[in-house]
Amino acid sequence: MKSNFSFNGYQIRSTVAMKRFWTLLSFTAMFCSVTGHGDILTGLRSWQNKKTESWIEFVYMKQRQERSWI
């Protein structure tokens, strides 16, 4: 689960940090499950695709703005 949500790079050194980490992880799993209509991985893939699409749109719009300056 940690690698699917890209949380595999975190190091936890206290019980408070562990509780916070599990809260964040649980919320993320619940959110992806709701948006994926019951399937966590479907929801996760959906949000990853939206992120990729918005990144491509961002790069396109920046390039377009730079050309308007010329």
PDB file of N, CA and C in Angstrom:
ATOM      1  N   MET A   1       0.831  -1.186   0.000  1.00  0.00           N
ATOM      2  CA  MET A   1       0.000   0.000   0.000  1.00  0.00           C
ATOM      3  C   MET A   1       0.877   1.251   0.000  1.00  0.00           C
ATOM      4  N   LYS A   2       1.982   1.224   0.752  1.00  0.00           N
ATOM      5  CA  LYS A   2       2.856   2.385   0.794  1.00  0.00           C
ATOM      6  C   LYS A   2       3.417   2.719  -0.578  1.00  0.00           C
ATOM      7  N   SER A   3       3.817   1.706  -1.339  1.00  0.00           N
ATOM      8  CA  SER A   3       4.406   1.985  -2.645  1.00  0.00           C
ATOM      9  C   SER A   3       3.365   2.455  -3.651  1.00  0.00           C
ATOM     10  N   ASN A   4       2.132   1.962  -3.560  1.00  0.00           N
ATOM     11  CA  ASN A   4       1.079   2.415  -4.465  1.00  0.00           C
ATOM     12  C   ASN A   4       0.738   3.882  -4.252  1.00  0.00           C
ATOM     13  N   PHE A   5       0.852   4.367  -3.027  1.00  0.00           N
ATOM     14  CA  PHE A   5       0.538   5.757  -2.718  1.00  0.00           C
ATOM     15  C   PHE A   5       1.788   6.621  -2.599  1.00  0.00           C
ATOM     16  N   SER A   6       2.950   6.080  -2.968  1.00  0.00           N
ATOM     17  CA  SER A   6       4.232   6.780  -2.951  1.00  0.00           C
ATOM     18  C   SER A   6       4.615   7.271  -1.561  1.00  0.00           C
ATOM     19  N   PHE A   7       4.245   6.526  -0.541  1.00  0.00           N
ATOM     20  CA  PHE A   7       4.639   6.857   0.817  1.00  0.00           C
ATOM     21  C   PHE A   7       5.838   6.031   1.267  1.00  0.00           C
ATOM     22  N   ASN A   8       6.489   5.314   0.351  1.00  0.00           N
ATOM     23  CA  ASN A   8       7.567   4.414   0.733  1.00  0.00           C
ATOM     24  C   ASN A   8       8.882   5.120   1.045  1.00  0.00           C
ATOM     25  N   GLY A   9       8.953   6.437   0.910  1.00  0.00           N
ATOM     26  CA  GLY A   9      10.170   7.172   1.209  1.00  0.00           C
ATOM     27  C   GLY A   9      10.181   7.817   2.581  1.00  0.00           C
ATOM     28  N   TYR A  10       9.117   7.647   3.355  1.00  0.00           N
ATOM     29  CA  TYR A  10       9.020   8.291   4.662  1.00  0.00           C
ATOM     30  C   TYR A  10       9.655   7.437   5.752  1.00  0.00           C
ATOM     31  N   GLN A  11      10.270   8.116   6.706  1.00  0.00           N
ATOM     32  CA  GLN A  11      10.804   7.449   7.887  1.00  0.00           C
ATOM     33  C   GLN A  11      10.096   8.031   9.102  1.00  0.00           C
ATOM     34  N   ILE A  12       9.589   7.158   9.947  1.00  0.00           N
ATOM     35  CA  ILE A  12       8.829   7.581  11.118  1.00  0.00           C
ATOM     36  C   ILE A  12       9.628   7.232  12.360  1.00  0.00           C
ATOM     37  N   ARG A  13       9.772   8.228  13.254  1.00  0.00           N
ATOM     38  CA  ARG A  13      10.585   8.001  14.442  1.00  0.00           C
ATOM     39  C   ARG A  13       9.831   8.169  15.748  1.00  0.00           C
ATOM     40  N   SER A  14       8.566   8.522  15.705  1.00  0.00           N
ATOM     41  CA  SER A  14       7.811   8.667  16.954  1.00  0.00           C
ATOM     42  C   SER A  14       6.403   8.108  16.773  1.00  0.00           C
ATOM     43  N   THR A  15       5.745   7.838  17.885  1.00  0.00           N
ATOM     44  CA  THR A  15       4.381   7.312  17.814  1.00  0.00           C
ATOM     45  C   THR A  15       3.420   8.358  17.277  1.00  0.00           C
ATOM     46  N   VAL A  16       3.653   9.632  17.574  1.00  0.00           N
ATOM     47  CA  VAL A  16       2.797  10.704  17.043  1.00  0.00           C
ATOM     48  C   VAL A  16       2.925  10.760  15.523  1.00  0.00           C
ATOM     49  N   ALA A  17       4.149  10.667  15.029  1.00  0.00           N
ATOM     50  CA  ALA A  17       4.364  10.671  13.580  1.00  0.00           C
ATOM     51  C   ALA A  17       3.710   9.464  12.927  1.00  0.00           C
ATOM     52  N   MET A  18       3.768   8.315  13.598  1.00  0.00           N
ATOM     53  CA  MET A  18       3.142   7.113  13.053  1.00  0.00           C
ATOM     54  C   MET A  18       1.624   7.276  12.972  1.00  0.00           C
ATOM     55  N   LYS A  19       1.026   7.854  13.994  1.00  0.00           N
ATOM     56  CA  LYS A  19      -0.424   8.094  13.976  1.00  0.00           C
ATOM     57  C   LYS A  19      -0.792   9.056  12.860  1.00  0.00           C
ATOM     58  N   ARG A  20      -0.001  10.094  12.696  1.00  0.00           N
ATOM     59  CA  ARG A  20      -0.261  11.058  11.619  1.00  0.00           C
ATOM     60  C   ARG A  20      -0.121  10.408  10.246  1.00  0.00           C
ATOM     61  N   PHE A  21       0.912   9.574  10.091  1.00  0.00           N
ATOM     62  CA  PHE A  21       1.133   8.876   8.835  1.00  0.00           C
ATOM     63  C   PHE A  21      -0.050   7.968   8.508  1.00  0.00           C
ATOM     64  N   TRP A  22      -0.515   7.170   9.491  1.00  0.00           N
ATOM     65  CA  TRP A  22      -1.636   6.265   9.258  1.00  0.00           C
ATOM     66  C   TRP A  22      -2.929   7.027   9.001  1.00  0.00           C
ATOM     67  N   THR A  23      -3.089   8.185   9.636  1.00  0.00           N
ATOM     68  CA  THR A  23      -4.263   9.018   9.360  1.00  0.00           C
ATOM     69  C   THR A  23      -4.245   9.494   7.916  1.00  0.00           C
ATOM     70  N   LEU A  24      -3.097   9.989   7.481  1.00  0.00           N
ATOM     71  CA  LEU A  24      -2.954  10.442   6.097  1.00  0.00           C
ATOM     72  C   LEU A  24      -3.143   9.302   5.112  1.00  0.00           C
ATOM     73  N   LEU A  25      -2.543   8.169   5.409  1.00  0.00           N
ATOM     74  CA  LEU A  25      -2.663   7.010   4.535  1.00  0.00           C
ATOM     75  C   LEU A  25      -4.109   6.507   4.464  1.00  0.00           C
ATOM     76  N   SER A  26      -4.787   6.468   5.614  1.00  0.00           N
ATOM     77  CA  SER A  26      -6.183   6.017   5.656  1.00  0.00           C
ATOM     78  C   SER A  26      -7.095   6.973   4.892  1.00  0.00           C
ATOM     79  N   PHE A  27      -6.867   8.275   5.059  1.00  0.00           N
ATOM     80  CA  PHE A  27      -7.682   9.252   4.327  1.00  0.00           C
ATOM     81  C   PHE A  27      -7.467   9.116   2.825  1.00  0.00           C
ATOM     82  N   THR A  28      -6.211   8.958   2.421  1.00  0.00           N
ATOM     83  CA  THR A  28      -5.910   8.808   0.998  1.00  0.00           C
ATOM     84  C   THR A  28      -6.571   7.562   0.420  1.00  0.00           C
ATOM     85  N   ALA A  29      -6.499   6.456   1.150  1.00  0.00           N
ATOM     86  CA  ALA A  29      -7.128   5.217   0.694  1.00  0.00           C
ATOM     87  C   ALA A  29      -8.643   5.370   0.612  1.00  0.00           C
ATOM     88  N   MET A  30      -9.240   6.015   1.617  1.00  0.00           N
ATOM     89  CA  MET A  30     -10.692   6.223   1.610  1.00  0.00           C
ATOM     90  C   MET A  30     -11.102   7.127   0.450  1.00  0.00           C
ATOM     91  N   PHE A  31     -10.345   8.200   0.227  1.00  0.00           N
ATOM     92  CA  PHE A  31     -10.658   9.133  -0.850  1.00  0.00           C
ATOM     93  C   PHE A  31     -10.571   8.445  -2.208  1.00  0.00           C
ATOM     94  N   CYS A  32      -9.508   7.674  -2.412  1.00  0.00           N
ATOM     95  CA  CYS A  32      -9.361   6.954  -3.685  1.00  0.00           C
ATOM     96  C   CYS A  32     -10.439   5.892  -3.849  1.00  0.00           C
ATOM     97  N   SER A  33     -10.834   5.262  -2.760  1.00  0.00           N
ATOM     98  CA  SER A  33     -11.893   4.258  -2.819  1.00  0.00           C
ATOM     99  C   SER A  33     -13.223   4.888  -3.208  1.00  0.00           C
ATOM    100  N   VAL A  34     -13.523   6.043  -2.641  1.00  0.00           N
ATOM    101  CA  VAL A  34     -14.783   6.726  -2.963  1.00  0.00           C
ATOM    102  C   VAL A  34     -14.780   7.204  -4.412  1.00  0.00           C
ATOM    103  N   THR A  35     -13.681   7.821  -4.856  1.00  0.00           N
ATOM    104  CA  THR A  35     -13.634   8.317  -6.230  1.00  0.00           C
ATOM    105  C   THR A  35     -13.497   7.190  -7.246  1.00  0.00           C
ATOM    106  N   GLY A  36     -13.027   6.011  -6.799  1.00  0.00           N
ATOM    107  CA  GLY A  36     -12.895   4.863  -7.695  1.00  0.00           C
ATOM    108  C   GLY A  36     -14.080   3.932  -7.623  1.00  0.00           C
ATOM    109  N   HIS A  37     -15.183   4.395  -7.016  1.00  0.00           N
ATOM    110  CA  HIS A  37     -16.422   3.616  -6.887  1.00  0.00           C
ATOM    111  C   HIS A  37     -16.168   2.275  -6.204  1.00  0.00           C
ATOM    112  N   GLY A  38     -15.432   2.318  -5.086  1.00  0.00           N
ATOM    113  CA  GLY A  38     -15.202   1.122  -4.290  1.00  0.00           C
ATOM    114  C   GLY A  38     -13.862   0.454  -4.509  1.00  0.00           C
ATOM    115  N   ASP A  39     -13.147   0.839  -5.547  1.00  0.00           N
ATOM    116  CA  ASP A  39     -11.849   0.231  -5.830  1.00  0.00           C
ATOM    117  C   ASP A  39     -10.751   1.271  -5.622  1.00  0.00           C
ATOM    118  N   ILE A  40      -9.865   1.019  -4.659  1.00  0.00           N
ATOM    119  CA  ILE A  40      -8.826   1.986  -4.321  1.00  0.00           C
ATOM    120  C   ILE A  40      -7.902   2.255  -5.506  1.00  0.00           C
ATOM    121  N   LEU A  41      -7.448   1.219  -6.172  1.00  0.00           N
ATOM    122  CA  LEU A  41      -6.490   1.402  -7.268  1.00  0.00           C
ATOM    123  C   LEU A  41      -7.109   2.118  -8.467  1.00  0.00           C
ATOM    124  N   THR A  42      -8.395   1.890  -8.721  1.00  0.00           N
ATOM    125  CA  THR A  42      -9.064   2.613  -9.803  1.00  0.00           C
ATOM    126  C   THR A  42      -9.105   4.100  -9.491  1.00  0.00           C
ATOM    127  N   GLY A  43      -9.442   4.445  -8.260  1.00  0.00           N
ATOM    128  CA  GLY A  43      -9.443   5.849  -7.851  1.00  0.00           C
ATOM    129  C   GLY A  43      -8.065   6.468  -7.916  1.00  0.00           C
ATOM    130  N   LEU A  44      -7.047   5.717  -7.482  1.00  0.00           N
ATOM    131  CA  LEU A  44      -5.677   6.213  -7.529  1.00  0.00           C
ATOM    132  C   LEU A  44      -5.242   6.468  -8.967  1.00  0.00           C
ATOM    133  N   ARG A  45      -5.499   5.526  -9.840  1.00  0.00           N
ATOM    134  CA  ARG A  45      -5.131   5.700 -11.261  1.00  0.00           C
ATOM    135  C   ARG A  45      -5.867   6.893 -11.876  1.00  0.00           C
ATOM    136  N   SER A  46      -7.109   7.080 -11.496  1.00  0.00           N
ATOM    137  CA  SER A  46      -7.882   8.212 -12.006  1.00  0.00           C
ATOM    138  C   SER A  46      -7.228   9.538 -11.618  1.00  0.00           C
ATOM    139  N   TRP A  47      -6.815   9.663 -10.351  1.00  0.00           N
ATOM    140  CA  TRP A  47      -6.170  10.898  -9.893  1.00  0.00           C
ATOM    141  C   TRP A  47      -4.790  11.060 -10.495  1.00  0.00           C
ATOM    142  N   GLN A  48      -4.072   9.980 -10.719  1.00  0.00           N
ATOM    143  CA  GLN A  48      -2.769  10.075 -11.370  1.00  0.00           C
ATOM    144  C   GLN A  48      -2.926  10.573 -12.801  1.00  0.00           C
ATOM    145  N   ASN A  49      -3.945  10.084 -13.503  1.00  0.00           N
ATOM    146  CA  ASN A  49      -4.192  10.535 -14.873  1.00  0.00           C
ATOM    147  C   ASN A  49      -4.574  12.007 -14.908  1.00  0.00           C
ATOM    148  N   LYS A  50      -5.402  12.438 -13.961  1.00  0.00           N
ATOM    149  CA  LYS A  50      -5.781  13.855 -13.904  1.00  0.00           C
ATOM    150  C   LYS A  50      -4.571  14.724 -13.635  1.00  0.00           C
ATOM    151  N   LYS A  51      -3.680  14.265 -12.760  1.00  0.00           N
ATOM    152  CA  LYS A  51      -2.467  15.014 -12.449  1.00  0.00           C
ATOM    153  C   LYS A  51      -1.600  15.135 -13.695  1.00  0.00           C
ATOM    154  N   THR A  52      -1.446  14.036 -14.434  1.00  0.00           N
ATOM    155  CA  THR A  52      -0.647  14.052 -15.657  1.00  0.00           C
ATOM    156  C   THR A  52      -1.258  14.987 -16.689  1.00  0.00           C
ATOM    157  N   GLU A  53      -2.582  14.918 -16.850  1.00  0.00           N
ATOM    158  CA  GLU A  53      -3.255  15.787 -17.811  1.00  0.00           C
ATOM    159  C   GLU A  53      -3.082  17.251 -17.439  1.00  0.00           C
ATOM    160  N   SER A  54      -3.208  17.584 -16.156  1.00  0.00           N
ATOM    161  CA  SER A  54      -3.070  18.977 -15.748  1.00  0.00           C
ATOM    162  C   SER A  54      -1.626  19.441 -15.919  1.00  0.00           C
ATOM    163  N   TRP A  55      -0.646  18.563 -15.720  1.00  0.00           N
ATOM    164  CA  TRP A  55       0.751  18.914 -15.918  1.00  0.00           C
ATOM    165  C   TRP A  55       1.013  19.205 -17.396  1.00  0.00           C
ATOM    166  N   ILE A  56       0.486  18.386 -18.280  1.00  0.00           N
ATOM    167  CA  ILE A  56       0.655  18.613 -19.716  1.00  0.00           C
ATOM    168  C   ILE A  56       0.000  19.925 -20.119  1.00  0.00           C
ATOM    169  N   GLU A  57      -1.188  20.189 -19.592  1.00  0.00           N
ATOM    170  CA  GLU A  57      -1.880  21.448 -19.877  1.00  0.00           C
ATOM    171  C   GLU A  57      -1.073  22.636 -19.358  1.00  0.00           C
ATOM    172  N   PHE A  58      -0.488  22.506 -18.169  1.00  0.00           N
ATOM    173  CA  PHE A  58       0.324  23.579 -17.593  1.00  0.00           C
ATOM    174  C   PHE A  58       1.513  23.906 -18.494  1.00  0.00           C
ATOM    175  N   VAL A  59       2.237  22.878 -18.948  1.00  0.00           N
ATOM    176  CA  VAL A  59       3.395  23.093 -19.815  1.00  0.00           C
ATOM    177  C   VAL A  59       2.962  23.738 -21.124  1.00  0.00           C
ATOM    178  N   TYR A  60       1.859  23.281 -21.693  1.00  0.00           N
ATOM    179  CA  TYR A  60       1.346  23.844 -22.933  1.00  0.00           C
ATOM    180  C   TYR A  60       1.004  25.327 -22.769  1.00  0.00           C
ATOM    181  N   MET A  61       0.314  25.653 -21.674  1.00  0.00           N
ATOM    182  CA  MET A  61      -0.102  27.043 -21.457  1.00  0.00           C
ATOM    183  C   MET A  61       1.117  27.943 -21.214  1.00  0.00           C
ATOM    184  N   LYS A  62       2.124  27.455 -20.494  1.00  0.00           N
ATOM    185  CA  LYS A  62       3.338  28.253 -20.272  1.00  0.00           C
ATOM    186  C   LYS A  62       4.059  28.522 -21.586  1.00  0.00           C
ATOM    187  N   GLN A  63       4.142  27.502 -22.425  1.00  0.00           N
ATOM    188  CA  GLN A  63       4.783  27.682 -23.726  1.00  0.00           C
ATOM    189  C   GLN A  63       4.014  28.691 -24.559  1.00  0.00           C
ATOM    190  N   ARG A  64       2.726  28.617 -24.496  1.00  0.00           N
ATOM    191  CA  ARG A  64       1.882  29.549 -25.241  1.00  0.00           C
ATOM    192  C   ARG A  64       2.060  30.980 -24.736  1.00  0.00           C
ATOM    193  N   GLN A  65       2.173  31.149 -23.419  1.00  0.00           N
ATOM    194  CA  GLN A  65       2.390  32.485 -22.856  1.00  0.00           C
ATOM    195  C   GLN A  65       3.732  33.047 -23.280  1.00  0.00           C
ATOM    196  N   GLU A  66       4.754  32.208 -23.285  1.00  0.00           N
ATOM    197  CA  GLU A  66       6.082  32.683 -23.676  1.00  0.00           C
ATOM    198  C   GLU A  66       6.105  33.116 -25.135  1.00  0.00           C
ATOM    199  N   ARG A  67       5.381  32.449 -25.969  1.00  0.00           N
ATOM    200  CA  ARG A  67       5.344  32.844 -27.392  1.00  0.00           C
ATOM    201  C   ARG A  67       4.627  34.176 -27.576  1.00  0.00           C
ATOM    202  N   SER A  68       3.672  34.473 -26.712  1.00  0.00           N
ATOM    203  CA  SER A  68       2.943  35.742 -26.839  1.00  0.00           C
ATOM    204  C   SER A  68       3.826  36.932 -26.453  1.00  0.00           C
ATOM    205  N   TRP A  69       4.932  36.681 -25.727  1.00  0.00           N
ATOM    206  CA  TRP A  69       5.830  37.753 -25.346  1.00  0.00           C
ATOM    207  C   TRP A  69       6.737  38.181 -26.503  1.00  0.00           C
ATOM    208  N   ILE A  70       6.877  37.322 -27.479  1.00  0.00           N
ATOM    209  CA  ILE A  70       7.805  37.609 -28.595  1.00  0.00           C
ATOM    210  C   ILE A  70       7.201  38.581 -29.558  1.00  0.00           C
TER     211      ILE A  70
END
